[in-house]
Amino acid sequence: MKVARFVLKIVALSLAAAAAVCAIIAYWDGLTELYDNAKCKLQHSAHVDEYDDYEE
């Protein structure tokens, strides 16, 4: 009985890992878009000057 439980735990872990990989593959476009947007916002906020909105 202990062996059966161990095998079932391994099978469950394998299925969970496969589901995670499938989810990453399925939502790859959305994840890359989210990453690009976050990267762009961080770069933009790093280069914003306090007086950029004032005209000379």
C-alpha atoms as a PDB file:
ATOM      1  CA  MET A   1       0.000   0.000   0.000  1.00  0.00           C
ATOM      2  CA  LYS A   2       2.880   2.390   0.726  1.00  0.00           C
ATOM      3  CA  VAL A   3       4.297   1.776  -2.731  1.00  0.00           C
ATOM      4  CA  ALA A   4       0.941   2.529  -4.380  1.00  0.00           C
ATOM      5  CA  ARG A   5       0.653   5.830  -2.494  1.00  0.00           C
ATOM      6  CA  PHE A   6       4.196   6.762  -3.470  1.00  0.00           C
ATOM      7  CA  VAL A   7       3.497   5.976  -7.126  1.00  0.00           C
ATOM      8  CA  LEU A   8       0.283   8.003  -7.031  1.00  0.00           C
ATOM      9  CA  LYS A   9       2.148  10.958  -5.504  1.00  0.00           C
ATOM     10  CA  ILE A  10       4.718  10.784  -8.291  1.00  0.00           C
ATOM     11  CA  VAL A  11       1.963  10.613 -10.914  1.00  0.00           C
ATOM     12  CA  ALA A  12       0.162  13.588  -9.332  1.00  0.00           C
ATOM     13  CA  LEU A  13       3.380  15.610  -9.250  1.00  0.00           C
ATOM     14  CA  SER A  14       4.082  14.762 -12.886  1.00  0.00           C
ATOM     15  CA  LEU A  15       0.579  15.803 -13.935  1.00  0.00           C
ATOM     16  CA  ALA A  16       0.856  19.065 -12.002  1.00  0.00           C
ATOM     17  CA  ALA A  17       4.188  19.842 -13.670  1.00  0.00           C
ATOM     18  CA  ALA A  18       2.730  19.027 -17.095  1.00  0.00           C
ATOM     19  CA  ALA A  19      -0.250  21.310 -16.405  1.00  0.00           C
ATOM     20  CA  ALA A  20       2.083  24.149 -15.424  1.00  0.00           C
ATOM     21  CA  VAL A  21       4.108  23.728 -18.615  1.00  0.00           C
ATOM     22  CA  CYS A  22       0.934  23.649 -20.709  1.00  0.00           C
ATOM     23  CA  ALA A  23      -0.349  26.808 -19.031  1.00  0.00           C
ATOM     24  CA  ILE A  24       2.923  28.609 -19.717  1.00  0.00           C
ATOM     25  CA  ILE A  25       2.818  27.541 -23.357  1.00  0.00           C
ATOM     26  CA  ALA A  26      -0.848  28.497 -23.731  1.00  0.00           C
ATOM     27  CA  TYR A  27      -0.399  31.978 -22.249  1.00  0.00           C
ATOM     28  CA  TRP A  28       3.095  32.678 -23.625  1.00  0.00           C
ATOM     29  CA  ASP A  29       1.950  35.644 -25.753  1.00  0.00           C
ATOM     30  CA  GLY A  30       0.161  37.256 -22.839  1.00  0.00           C
ATOM     31  CA  LEU A  31       3.091  36.685 -20.502  1.00  0.00           C
ATOM     32  CA  THR A  32       5.591  38.226 -22.910  1.00  0.00           C
ATOM     33  CA  GLU A  33       3.281  41.200 -23.514  1.00  0.00           C
ATOM     34  CA  LEU A  34       2.917  41.707 -19.762  1.00  0.00           C
ATOM     35  CA  TYR A  35       6.689  41.537 -19.352  1.00  0.00           C
ATOM     36  CA  ASP A  36       7.297  44.016 -22.171  1.00  0.00           C
ATOM     37  CA  ASN A  37       4.746  46.481 -20.762  1.00  0.00           C
ATOM     38  CA  ALA A  38       6.242  46.268 -17.283  1.00  0.00           C
ATOM     39  CA  LYS A  39       9.762  46.696 -18.656  1.00  0.00           C
ATOM     40  CA  CYS A  40       8.717  49.731 -20.704  1.00  0.00           C
ATOM     41  CA  LYS A  41       6.982  51.346 -17.727  1.00  0.00           C
ATOM     42  CA  LEU A  42      10.003  50.792 -15.499  1.00  0.00           C
ATOM     43  CA  GLN A  43      12.356  52.284 -18.067  1.00  0.00           C
ATOM     44  CA  HIS A  44      10.033  55.240 -18.614  1.00  0.00           C
ATOM     45  CA  SER A  45       9.679  55.934 -14.897  1.00  0.00           C
ATOM     46  CA  ALA A  46      13.435  55.775 -14.453  1.00  0.00           C
ATOM     47  CA  HIS A  47      13.988  58.513 -17.061  1.00  0.00           C
ATOM     48  CA  VAL A  48      11.233  60.917 -16.024  1.00  0.00           C
ATOM     49  CA  ASP A  49      12.584  64.235 -14.911  1.00  0.00           C
ATOM     50  CA  GLU A  50      10.778  66.320 -12.336  1.00  0.00           C
ATOM     51  CA  TYR A  51      10.654  69.362 -14.617  1.00  0.00           C
ATOM     52  CA  ASP A  52       9.815  67.655 -17.926  1.00  0.00           C
ATOM     53  CA  ASP A  53       6.306  69.080 -17.962  1.00  0.00           C
ATOM     54  CA  TYR A  54       7.443  72.716 -17.762  1.00  0.00           C
ATOM     55  CA  GLU A  55       8.102  74.587 -20.993  1.00  0.00           C
ATOM     56  CA  GLU A  56      11.110  76.800 -21.310  1.00  0.00           C
END
